[in-house]
Amino acid sequence: MGNEKGTLKISGGLLQIFNLGVLIIGDSSIGKSECALELISRGHRFISDDVVQIKRKASGKLIGTAPHLVRYYMEIRGLGIINIKEIFGTQAICKQTEVDLAIKLEKWRQGEEYDRLGLKPPEFFDILGEKIPQINIPVAPGRNIATLIEVACKVHVLGEKGYHAPQEIVKKLNRILSAR
């Protein structure tokens, strides 16, 4: 991460998924770009790969863009540098977006306890003093990370509207237990 003149450069990718600005972060070689490529092929919009420039507006909103030199370009190991605009067309790209959600891809660790119910308090990612929600997704062979990111975005949107599936099932269980 670098910070110069009110902007921050973050290592990661930025896409617009279901109208959410989604910052995809994680260790090098975890599969961020390949996942972003799959999401673009599904109709989501590409803003930046590898490095995201973020500016904080006076309103507190965070706006993410690609550095001008690498705008529309993505590096895919085995293919090299590709131009998303030329491959997928102008409908697949976007110059900037608000940053609404961070998704951190992390290597699945055997024996690690992962949240299976969604009852843990949310995590946040701090960008220029603003905290945005962060969802951690463990990456392992056989897991469809692009689908998990799409679902995470929908879960986030539903949560913003006040719907939480884990809370709903806990209420149902409590009703059943109290009826006994």
N, C-alpha and C. Protein backbone atom coordinates (compact mmCIF):
# COMPACT_ATOMS: atom_id res chain seq x y z
N MET A 1 0.84 -1.18 0.00
CA MET A 1 0.00 0.00 0.00
C MET A 1 0.88 1.24 0.00
N GLY A 2 0.49 2.23 -0.77
CA GLY A 2 1.20 3.50 -0.78
C GLY A 2 0.21 4.63 -0.61
N ASN A 3 0.66 5.73 -0.03
CA ASN A 3 -0.23 6.86 0.20
C ASN A 3 0.49 8.13 -0.26
N GLU A 4 -0.11 8.84 -1.21
CA GLU A 4 0.49 10.09 -1.65
C GLU A 4 -0.63 11.05 -2.05
N LYS A 5 -0.58 12.25 -1.49
CA LYS A 5 -1.52 13.33 -1.81
C LYS A 5 -2.98 12.91 -1.69
N GLY A 6 -3.37 12.31 -0.58
CA GLY A 6 -4.78 11.98 -0.36
C GLY A 6 -5.29 10.77 -1.12
N THR A 7 -4.40 10.09 -1.82
CA THR A 7 -4.80 8.85 -2.49
C THR A 7 -4.02 7.71 -1.88
N LEU A 8 -4.56 6.55 -2.04
CA LEU A 8 -3.93 5.35 -1.52
C LEU A 8 -3.86 4.34 -2.66
N LYS A 9 -2.74 3.70 -2.81
CA LYS A 9 -2.61 2.62 -3.79
C LYS A 9 -2.63 1.31 -3.02
N ILE A 10 -3.53 0.44 -3.41
CA ILE A 10 -3.71 -0.85 -2.74
C ILE A 10 -3.44 -1.97 -3.74
N SER A 11 -2.73 -2.98 -3.30
CA SER A 11 -2.50 -4.16 -4.13
C SER A 11 -3.78 -5.00 -4.12
N GLY A 12 -4.37 -5.16 -5.29
CA GLY A 12 -5.61 -5.92 -5.41
C GLY A 12 -6.31 -5.57 -6.71
N GLY A 13 -7.53 -6.04 -6.84
CA GLY A 13 -8.33 -5.76 -8.02
C GLY A 13 -9.62 -5.08 -7.61
N LEU A 14 -10.24 -4.39 -8.54
CA LEU A 14 -11.50 -3.69 -8.27
C LEU A 14 -12.48 -3.98 -9.40
N LEU A 15 -13.65 -4.44 -9.02
CA LEU A 15 -14.72 -4.72 -9.98
C LEU A 15 -16.02 -4.12 -9.47
N GLN A 16 -16.95 -3.96 -10.37
CA GLN A 16 -18.31 -3.57 -10.02
C GLN A 16 -19.17 -4.82 -10.19
N ILE A 17 -19.66 -5.34 -9.06
CA ILE A 17 -20.43 -6.58 -9.05
C ILE A 17 -21.80 -6.26 -8.46
N PHE A 18 -22.86 -6.46 -9.24
CA PHE A 18 -24.22 -6.13 -8.80
C PHE A 18 -24.28 -4.70 -8.27
N ASN A 19 -23.64 -3.77 -8.98
CA ASN A 19 -23.60 -2.35 -8.63
C ASN A 19 -22.85 -2.04 -7.33
N LEU A 20 -22.08 -2.98 -6.82
CA LEU A 20 -21.22 -2.74 -5.66
C LEU A 20 -19.78 -2.63 -6.15
N GLY A 21 -19.03 -1.68 -5.62
CA GLY A 21 -17.60 -1.61 -5.88
C GLY A 21 -16.91 -2.60 -4.96
N VAL A 22 -16.32 -3.65 -5.53
CA VAL A 22 -15.76 -4.74 -4.74
C VAL A 22 -14.24 -4.78 -4.94
N LEU A 23 -13.53 -4.56 -3.83
CA LEU A 23 -12.08 -4.62 -3.81
C LEU A 23 -11.70 -6.05 -3.45
N ILE A 24 -10.97 -6.71 -4.35
CA ILE A 24 -10.53 -8.09 -4.11
C ILE A 24 -9.05 -8.04 -3.73
N ILE A 25 -8.78 -8.49 -2.49
CA ILE A 25 -7.43 -8.44 -1.96
C ILE A 25 -7.00 -9.85 -1.54
N GLY A 26 -5.73 -10.02 -1.29
CA GLY A 26 -5.21 -11.31 -0.85
C GLY A 26 -3.76 -11.45 -1.26
N ASP A 27 -3.15 -12.52 -0.80
CA ASP A 27 -1.73 -12.78 -1.08
C ASP A 27 -1.49 -12.91 -2.58
N SER A 28 -0.26 -12.65 -2.99
CA SER A 28 0.16 -12.83 -4.37
C SER A 28 -0.06 -14.29 -4.77
N SER A 29 -0.52 -14.52 -5.98
CA SER A 29 -0.75 -15.85 -6.56
C SER A 29 -1.92 -16.60 -5.94
N ILE A 30 -2.81 -15.93 -5.21
CA ILE A 30 -3.96 -16.60 -4.61
C ILE A 30 -5.07 -16.83 -5.65
N GLY A 31 -5.03 -16.06 -6.76
CA GLY A 31 -6.02 -16.23 -7.81
C GLY A 31 -6.95 -15.05 -8.00
N LYS A 32 -6.54 -13.87 -7.54
CA LYS A 32 -7.39 -12.68 -7.65
C LYS A 32 -7.72 -12.34 -9.11
N SER A 33 -6.71 -12.32 -9.96
CA SER A 33 -6.93 -11.93 -11.36
C SER A 33 -7.75 -12.97 -12.11
N GLU A 34 -7.48 -14.25 -11.89
CA GLU A 34 -8.25 -15.30 -12.55
C GLU A 34 -9.72 -15.24 -12.12
N CYS A 35 -9.93 -14.99 -10.84
CA CYS A 35 -11.29 -14.86 -10.33
C CYS A 35 -11.98 -13.64 -10.95
N ALA A 36 -11.25 -12.52 -11.02
CA ALA A 36 -11.79 -11.30 -11.64
C ALA A 36 -12.15 -11.58 -13.10
N LEU A 37 -11.31 -12.31 -13.81
CA LEU A 37 -11.57 -12.63 -15.21
C LEU A 37 -12.86 -13.44 -15.34
N GLU A 38 -13.08 -14.40 -14.46
CA GLU A 38 -14.33 -15.17 -14.46
C GLU A 38 -15.53 -14.27 -14.19
N LEU A 39 -15.40 -13.35 -13.25
CA LEU A 39 -16.50 -12.43 -12.93
C LEU A 39 -16.81 -11.51 -14.11
N ILE A 40 -15.78 -11.06 -14.81
CA ILE A 40 -15.97 -10.22 -16.01
C ILE A 40 -16.70 -11.03 -17.08
N SER A 41 -16.32 -12.29 -17.25
CA SER A 41 -16.97 -13.13 -18.27
C SER A 41 -18.44 -13.37 -17.93
N ARG A 42 -18.82 -13.19 -16.66
CA ARG A 42 -20.21 -13.33 -16.23
C ARG A 42 -20.99 -12.02 -16.34
N GLY A 43 -20.33 -10.97 -16.83
CA GLY A 43 -21.04 -9.71 -17.06
C GLY A 43 -20.78 -8.61 -16.05
N HIS A 44 -19.89 -8.85 -15.09
CA HIS A 44 -19.56 -7.79 -14.13
C HIS A 44 -18.50 -6.88 -14.75
N ARG A 45 -18.34 -5.70 -14.17
CA ARG A 45 -17.49 -4.67 -14.79
C ARG A 45 -16.12 -4.55 -14.11
N PHE A 46 -15.11 -4.40 -14.94
CA PHE A 46 -13.71 -4.32 -14.53
C PHE A 46 -13.27 -2.87 -14.38
N ILE A 47 -12.60 -2.59 -13.26
CA ILE A 47 -12.01 -1.27 -13.07
C ILE A 47 -10.48 -1.37 -13.05
N SER A 48 -9.94 -2.27 -12.22
CA SER A 48 -8.48 -2.33 -12.09
C SER A 48 -8.01 -3.72 -11.66
N ASP A 49 -6.79 -4.04 -12.07
CA ASP A 49 -6.13 -5.28 -11.67
C ASP A 49 -4.77 -4.94 -11.09
N ASP A 50 -4.40 -5.64 -10.05
CA ASP A 50 -3.08 -5.56 -9.45
C ASP A 50 -2.89 -4.34 -8.54
N VAL A 51 -3.22 -3.14 -9.03
CA VAL A 51 -3.08 -1.92 -8.23
C VAL A 51 -4.35 -1.10 -8.38
N VAL A 52 -4.91 -0.68 -7.25
CA VAL A 52 -6.11 0.16 -7.24
C VAL A 52 -5.76 1.47 -6.56
N GLN A 53 -6.06 2.58 -7.23
CA GLN A 53 -5.91 3.91 -6.64
C GLN A 53 -7.23 4.28 -5.99
N ILE A 54 -7.17 4.70 -4.73
CA ILE A 54 -8.40 5.07 -4.03
C ILE A 54 -8.26 6.48 -3.50
N LYS A 55 -9.29 7.29 -3.75
CA LYS A 55 -9.37 8.65 -3.23
C LYS A 55 -10.55 8.74 -2.30
N ARG A 56 -10.38 9.51 -1.25
CA ARG A 56 -11.47 9.75 -0.30
C ARG A 56 -12.09 11.10 -0.63
N LYS A 57 -13.39 11.10 -0.95
CA LYS A 57 -14.11 12.33 -1.24
C LYS A 57 -14.42 13.06 0.07
N ALA A 58 -14.78 14.33 0.00
CA ALA A 58 -15.14 15.12 1.18
C ALA A 58 -16.30 14.47 1.93
N SER A 59 -17.17 13.78 1.19
CA SER A 59 -18.33 13.10 1.79
C SER A 59 -17.92 11.84 2.56
N GLY A 60 -16.66 11.42 2.42
CA GLY A 60 -16.20 10.20 3.05
C GLY A 60 -16.25 9.01 2.11
N LYS A 61 -16.91 9.16 0.98
CA LYS A 61 -16.99 8.06 0.01
C LYS A 61 -15.62 7.80 -0.59
N LEU A 62 -15.34 6.52 -0.81
CA LEU A 62 -14.09 6.09 -1.39
C LEU A 62 -14.30 5.76 -2.87
N ILE A 63 -13.50 6.35 -3.73
CA ILE A 63 -13.61 6.14 -5.16
C ILE A 63 -12.35 5.44 -5.65
N GLY A 64 -12.53 4.29 -6.32
CA GLY A 64 -11.40 3.52 -6.82
C GLY A 64 -11.28 3.60 -8.32
N THR A 65 -10.05 3.70 -8.79
CA THR A 65 -9.74 3.74 -10.22
C THR A 65 -8.47 2.92 -10.47
N ALA A 66 -8.16 2.77 -11.75
CA ALA A 66 -6.90 2.13 -12.13
C ALA A 66 -5.88 3.22 -12.43
N PRO A 67 -4.61 2.99 -12.13
CA PRO A 67 -3.58 3.92 -12.59
C PRO A 67 -3.69 4.03 -14.12
N HIS A 68 -3.53 5.24 -14.64
CA HIS A 68 -3.76 5.48 -16.08
C HIS A 68 -2.97 4.52 -16.98
N LEU A 69 -1.72 4.26 -16.65
CA LEU A 69 -0.86 3.43 -17.50
C LEU A 69 -1.41 2.02 -17.69
N VAL A 70 -2.06 1.46 -16.67
CA VAL A 70 -2.51 0.06 -16.74
C VAL A 70 -4.03 -0.07 -16.84
N ARG A 71 -4.73 1.05 -17.07
CA ARG A 71 -6.18 1.00 -17.20
C ARG A 71 -6.58 0.02 -18.32
N TYR A 72 -7.51 -0.85 -18.00
CA TYR A 72 -8.07 -1.89 -18.89
C TYR A 72 -7.19 -3.13 -19.03
N TYR A 73 -6.00 -3.13 -18.44
CA TYR A 73 -5.10 -4.26 -18.59
C TYR A 73 -5.13 -5.17 -17.36
N MET A 74 -4.89 -6.46 -17.62
CA MET A 74 -4.85 -7.45 -16.57
C MET A 74 -3.72 -8.42 -16.90
N GLU A 75 -3.04 -8.89 -15.85
CA GLU A 75 -1.98 -9.88 -16.04
C GLU A 75 -2.51 -11.23 -15.59
N ILE A 76 -2.45 -12.19 -16.49
CA ILE A 76 -2.86 -13.57 -16.19
C ILE A 76 -1.66 -14.47 -16.44
N ARG A 77 -1.22 -15.13 -15.38
CA ARG A 77 -0.06 -16.02 -15.53
C ARG A 77 -0.37 -17.09 -16.57
N GLY A 78 0.53 -17.25 -17.52
CA GLY A 78 0.35 -18.21 -18.60
C GLY A 78 -0.18 -17.56 -19.87
N LEU A 79 -0.89 -16.44 -19.73
CA LEU A 79 -1.39 -15.71 -20.90
C LEU A 79 -0.65 -14.40 -21.10
N GLY A 80 -0.16 -13.83 -20.01
CA GLY A 80 0.52 -12.54 -20.08
C GLY A 80 -0.45 -11.40 -19.84
N ILE A 81 -0.13 -10.26 -20.45
CA ILE A 81 -0.95 -9.06 -20.29
C ILE A 81 -2.09 -9.12 -21.30
N ILE A 82 -3.32 -8.92 -20.81
CA ILE A 82 -4.48 -8.89 -21.71
C ILE A 82 -5.22 -7.57 -21.53
N ASN A 83 -5.93 -7.14 -22.58
CA ASN A 83 -6.71 -5.90 -22.54
C ASN A 83 -8.19 -6.27 -22.44
N ILE A 84 -8.78 -6.01 -21.28
CA ILE A 84 -10.17 -6.38 -21.00
C ILE A 84 -11.12 -5.66 -21.95
N LYS A 85 -10.86 -4.39 -22.23
CA LYS A 85 -11.73 -3.61 -23.12
C LYS A 85 -11.75 -4.21 -24.53
N GLU A 86 -10.59 -4.63 -25.02
CA GLU A 86 -10.51 -5.20 -26.37
C GLU A 86 -11.12 -6.60 -26.44
N ILE A 87 -11.00 -7.37 -25.38
CA ILE A 87 -11.51 -8.75 -25.38
C ILE A 87 -13.02 -8.79 -25.14
N PHE A 88 -13.49 -8.04 -24.13
CA PHE A 88 -14.89 -8.13 -23.71
C PHE A 88 -15.75 -6.96 -24.16
N GLY A 89 -15.15 -5.88 -24.64
CA GLY A 89 -15.91 -4.72 -25.10
C GLY A 89 -16.10 -3.67 -24.01
N THR A 90 -16.63 -2.52 -24.42
CA THR A 90 -16.76 -1.39 -23.50
C THR A 90 -17.75 -1.65 -22.36
N GLN A 91 -18.71 -2.54 -22.56
CA GLN A 91 -19.68 -2.83 -21.50
C GLN A 91 -19.03 -3.56 -20.32
N ALA A 92 -17.82 -4.10 -20.51
CA ALA A 92 -17.14 -4.86 -19.46
C ALA A 92 -16.22 -4.01 -18.60
N ILE A 93 -16.10 -2.72 -18.94
CA ILE A 93 -15.17 -1.88 -18.19
C ILE A 93 -15.89 -0.69 -17.57
N CYS A 94 -15.23 -0.12 -16.59
CA CYS A 94 -15.74 1.04 -15.89
C CYS A 94 -14.51 1.82 -15.42
N LYS A 95 -14.50 3.14 -15.56
CA LYS A 95 -13.31 3.91 -15.17
C LYS A 95 -13.15 4.02 -13.67
N GLN A 96 -14.27 4.09 -12.94
CA GLN A 96 -14.19 4.24 -11.49
C GLN A 96 -15.46 3.72 -10.84
N THR A 97 -15.37 3.48 -9.54
CA THR A 97 -16.54 3.06 -8.77
C THR A 97 -16.30 3.40 -7.31
N GLU A 98 -17.38 3.55 -6.57
CA GLU A 98 -17.26 3.65 -5.12
C GLU A 98 -16.77 2.30 -4.61
N VAL A 99 -16.02 2.31 -3.54
CA VAL A 99 -15.55 1.07 -2.94
C VAL A 99 -16.50 0.76 -1.77
N ASP A 100 -17.29 -0.29 -1.93
CA ASP A 100 -18.33 -0.63 -0.95
C ASP A 100 -17.99 -1.84 -0.09
N LEU A 101 -17.16 -2.74 -0.61
CA LEU A 101 -16.94 -4.02 0.04
C LEU A 101 -15.53 -4.52 -0.31
N ALA A 102 -14.85 -5.10 0.69
CA ALA A 102 -13.56 -5.75 0.44
C ALA A 102 -13.76 -7.25 0.60
N ILE A 103 -13.23 -8.00 -0.34
CA ILE A 103 -13.25 -9.46 -0.24
C ILE A 103 -11.79 -9.91 -0.21
N LYS A 104 -11.45 -10.56 0.88
CA LYS A 104 -10.07 -11.04 1.05
C LYS A 104 -10.02 -12.53 0.76
N LEU A 105 -9.23 -12.89 -0.24
CA LEU A 105 -9.01 -14.30 -0.56
C LEU A 105 -7.80 -14.76 0.25
N GLU A 106 -7.99 -15.86 0.97
CA GLU A 106 -6.90 -16.38 1.78
C GLU A 106 -6.79 -17.89 1.58
N LYS A 107 -5.57 -18.38 1.68
CA LYS A 107 -5.34 -19.81 1.48
C LYS A 107 -6.03 -20.61 2.58
N TRP A 108 -6.76 -21.64 2.18
CA TRP A 108 -7.43 -22.54 3.12
C TRP A 108 -6.36 -23.24 3.93
N ARG A 109 -6.49 -23.19 5.25
CA ARG A 109 -5.53 -23.85 6.13
C ARG A 109 -6.23 -25.00 6.85
N GLN A 110 -5.69 -26.19 6.67
CA GLN A 110 -6.23 -27.38 7.33
C GLN A 110 -6.24 -27.17 8.83
N GLY A 111 -7.36 -27.48 9.47
CA GLY A 111 -7.48 -27.34 10.91
C GLY A 111 -7.93 -25.97 11.37
N GLU A 112 -7.97 -25.00 10.45
CA GLU A 112 -8.42 -23.64 10.78
C GLU A 112 -9.94 -23.66 11.01
N GLU A 113 -10.40 -22.89 11.98
CA GLU A 113 -11.84 -22.75 12.24
C GLU A 113 -12.39 -21.64 11.34
N TYR A 114 -13.31 -21.98 10.46
CA TYR A 114 -13.94 -20.99 9.58
C TYR A 114 -15.39 -20.79 10.01
N ASP A 115 -15.87 -19.57 9.84
CA ASP A 115 -17.26 -19.26 10.19
C ASP A 115 -18.18 -20.03 9.25
N ARG A 116 -18.96 -20.93 9.81
CA ARG A 116 -19.87 -21.74 9.00
C ARG A 116 -21.29 -21.25 9.08
N LEU A 117 -21.61 -20.47 10.10
CA LEU A 117 -23.00 -20.03 10.30
C LEU A 117 -23.23 -18.57 9.94
N GLY A 118 -22.18 -17.77 9.88
CA GLY A 118 -22.36 -16.35 9.59
C GLY A 118 -22.78 -15.55 10.81
N LEU A 119 -22.48 -16.06 12.00
CA LEU A 119 -22.89 -15.39 13.23
C LEU A 119 -21.77 -14.53 13.84
N LYS A 120 -20.55 -14.64 13.31
CA LYS A 120 -19.45 -13.83 13.83
C LYS A 120 -19.68 -12.37 13.46
N PRO A 121 -19.20 -11.44 14.30
CA PRO A 121 -19.33 -10.02 13.94
C PRO A 121 -18.55 -9.73 12.66
N PRO A 122 -19.01 -8.77 11.88
CA PRO A 122 -18.34 -8.47 10.61
C PRO A 122 -16.94 -7.90 10.84
N GLU A 123 -16.09 -8.11 9.85
CA GLU A 123 -14.76 -7.50 9.85
C GLU A 123 -14.80 -6.27 8.96
N PHE A 124 -13.82 -5.39 9.16
CA PHE A 124 -13.75 -4.17 8.35
C PHE A 124 -12.34 -3.98 7.84
N PHE A 125 -12.25 -3.31 6.70
CA PHE A 125 -10.98 -2.98 6.06
C PHE A 125 -10.88 -1.46 6.08
N ASP A 126 -9.81 -0.94 6.66
CA ASP A 126 -9.64 0.50 6.80
C ASP A 126 -8.93 1.07 5.58
N ILE A 127 -9.58 2.03 4.94
CA ILE A 127 -9.00 2.72 3.79
C ILE A 127 -9.13 4.21 4.04
N LEU A 128 -8.01 4.88 4.19
CA LEU A 128 -7.98 6.33 4.39
C LEU A 128 -8.92 6.78 5.51
N GLY A 129 -8.98 5.99 6.57
CA GLY A 129 -9.82 6.35 7.72
C GLY A 129 -11.27 5.92 7.62
N GLU A 130 -11.67 5.36 6.50
CA GLU A 130 -13.04 4.86 6.33
C GLU A 130 -13.01 3.34 6.47
N LYS A 131 -13.97 2.81 7.19
CA LYS A 131 -14.04 1.35 7.37
C LYS A 131 -15.10 0.79 6.42
N ILE A 132 -14.66 -0.14 5.57
CA ILE A 132 -15.62 -0.81 4.69
C ILE A 132 -15.73 -2.28 5.12
N PRO A 133 -16.90 -2.87 4.95
CA PRO A 133 -17.06 -4.28 5.33
C PRO A 133 -16.09 -5.17 4.56
N GLN A 134 -15.59 -6.19 5.25
CA GLN A 134 -14.67 -7.14 4.64
C GLN A 134 -15.18 -8.56 4.87
N ILE A 135 -15.20 -9.33 3.80
CA ILE A 135 -15.57 -10.74 3.86
C ILE A 135 -14.34 -11.55 3.48
N ASN A 136 -14.00 -12.54 4.30
CA ASN A 136 -12.85 -13.40 4.02
C ASN A 136 -13.34 -14.70 3.41
N ILE A 137 -12.73 -15.08 2.29
CA ILE A 137 -13.10 -16.32 1.61
C ILE A 137 -11.88 -17.21 1.50
N PRO A 138 -11.91 -18.39 2.15
CA PRO A 138 -10.78 -19.31 2.02
C PRO A 138 -10.78 -19.96 0.63
N VAL A 139 -9.60 -20.01 0.04
CA VAL A 139 -9.42 -20.54 -1.31
C VAL A 139 -8.80 -21.93 -1.22
N ALA A 140 -9.44 -22.89 -1.88
CA ALA A 140 -8.93 -24.26 -1.93
C ALA A 140 -9.36 -24.87 -3.26
N PRO A 141 -8.63 -25.88 -3.73
CA PRO A 141 -9.02 -26.55 -4.98
C PRO A 141 -10.48 -27.01 -4.90
N GLY A 142 -11.21 -26.79 -5.98
CA GLY A 142 -12.60 -27.23 -6.06
C GLY A 142 -13.61 -26.19 -5.62
N ARG A 143 -13.17 -25.13 -4.95
CA ARG A 143 -14.10 -24.08 -4.55
C ARG A 143 -14.25 -23.09 -5.70
N ASN A 144 -15.48 -22.75 -6.05
CA ASN A 144 -15.72 -21.80 -7.13
C ASN A 144 -15.74 -20.39 -6.52
N ILE A 145 -14.59 -19.75 -6.54
CA ILE A 145 -14.43 -18.47 -5.85
C ILE A 145 -15.27 -17.37 -6.49
N ALA A 146 -15.40 -17.37 -7.81
CA ALA A 146 -16.23 -16.35 -8.47
C ALA A 146 -17.68 -16.44 -7.99
N THR A 147 -18.21 -17.64 -7.91
CA THR A 147 -19.58 -17.82 -7.42
C THR A 147 -19.69 -17.38 -5.97
N LEU A 148 -18.70 -17.74 -5.16
CA LEU A 148 -18.72 -17.34 -3.75
C LEU A 148 -18.68 -15.82 -3.60
N ILE A 149 -17.92 -15.15 -4.45
CA ILE A 149 -17.87 -13.68 -4.41
C ILE A 149 -19.22 -13.09 -4.81
N GLU A 150 -19.85 -13.64 -5.85
CA GLU A 150 -21.18 -13.16 -6.23
C GLU A 150 -22.18 -13.32 -5.08
N VAL A 151 -22.17 -14.48 -4.45
CA VAL A 151 -23.08 -14.73 -3.33
C VAL A 151 -22.74 -13.81 -2.16
N ALA A 152 -21.46 -13.60 -1.87
CA ALA A 152 -21.05 -12.70 -0.80
C ALA A 152 -21.59 -11.29 -1.05
N CYS A 153 -21.57 -10.85 -2.30
CA CYS A 153 -22.11 -9.53 -2.64
C CYS A 153 -23.61 -9.47 -2.39
N LYS A 154 -24.31 -10.51 -2.79
CA LYS A 154 -25.77 -10.55 -2.56
C LYS A 154 -26.09 -10.61 -1.07
N VAL A 155 -25.33 -11.39 -0.31
CA VAL A 155 -25.52 -11.45 1.14
C VAL A 155 -25.28 -10.07 1.75
N HIS A 156 -24.25 -9.37 1.27
CA HIS A 156 -23.97 -8.02 1.76
C HIS A 156 -25.13 -7.07 1.49
N VAL A 157 -25.65 -7.11 0.27
CA VAL A 157 -26.78 -6.23 -0.10
C VAL A 157 -27.99 -6.56 0.76
N LEU A 158 -28.30 -7.83 0.95
CA LEU A 158 -29.42 -8.22 1.80
C LEU A 158 -29.21 -7.75 3.24
N GLY A 159 -27.98 -7.86 3.74
CA GLY A 159 -27.66 -7.40 5.08
C GLY A 159 -27.88 -5.91 5.23
N GLU A 160 -27.52 -5.15 4.19
CA GLU A 160 -27.75 -3.70 4.20
C GLU A 160 -29.24 -3.39 4.27
N LYS A 161 -30.06 -4.28 3.74
CA LYS A 161 -31.52 -4.10 3.78
C LYS A 161 -32.13 -4.66 5.06
N GLY A 162 -31.28 -5.27 5.93
CA GLY A 162 -31.77 -5.76 7.20
C GLY A 162 -32.06 -7.25 7.26
N TYR A 163 -31.78 -7.98 6.18
CA TYR A 163 -32.03 -9.42 6.18
C TYR A 163 -30.74 -10.17 6.47
N HIS A 164 -30.80 -11.09 7.47
CA HIS A 164 -29.64 -11.90 7.84
C HIS A 164 -30.13 -13.34 8.02
N ALA A 165 -29.79 -14.22 7.09
CA ALA A 165 -30.23 -15.62 7.15
C ALA A 165 -29.85 -16.30 8.46
N PRO A 166 -28.61 -16.11 8.99
CA PRO A 166 -28.28 -16.78 10.26
C PRO A 166 -29.21 -16.36 11.40
N GLN A 167 -29.56 -15.09 11.46
CA GLN A 167 -30.47 -14.62 12.51
C GLN A 167 -31.86 -15.22 12.32
N GLU A 168 -32.26 -15.38 11.07
CA GLU A 168 -33.57 -15.95 10.78
C GLU A 168 -33.64 -17.41 11.27
N ILE A 169 -32.61 -18.18 11.00
CA ILE A 169 -32.64 -19.58 11.42
C ILE A 169 -32.54 -19.71 12.94
N VAL A 170 -31.79 -18.81 13.59
CA VAL A 170 -31.73 -18.82 15.06
C VAL A 170 -33.11 -18.53 15.64
N LYS A 171 -33.84 -17.58 15.05
CA LYS A 171 -35.21 -17.29 15.51
C LYS A 171 -36.11 -18.51 15.34
N LYS A 172 -36.01 -19.19 14.22
CA LYS A 172 -36.82 -20.39 13.98
C LYS A 172 -36.50 -21.46 15.02
N LEU A 173 -35.22 -21.67 15.28
CA LEU A 173 -34.82 -22.66 16.27
C LEU A 173 -35.32 -22.28 17.66
N ASN A 174 -35.24 -21.01 18.01
CA ASN A 174 -35.74 -20.55 19.31
C ASN A 174 -37.24 -20.77 19.44
N ARG A 175 -38.00 -20.53 18.36
CA ARG A 175 -39.45 -20.76 18.40
C ARG A 175 -39.74 -22.23 18.63
N ILE A 176 -39.01 -23.10 17.94
CA ILE A 176 -39.21 -24.54 18.09
C ILE A 176 -38.87 -24.98 19.53
N LEU A 177 -37.75 -24.48 20.04
CA LEU A 177 -37.32 -24.86 21.40
C LEU A 177 -38.24 -24.31 22.47
N SER A 178 -38.76 -23.11 22.29
CA SER A 178 -39.65 -22.53 23.30
C SER A 178 -41.04 -23.16 23.28
N ALA A 179 -41.40 -23.78 22.16
CA ALA A 179 -42.71 -24.45 22.05
C ALA A 179 -42.71 -25.80 22.78
N ARG A 180 -41.55 -26.30 23.11
CA ARG A 180 -41.46 -27.61 23.76
C ARG A 180 -41.79 -27.55 25.20
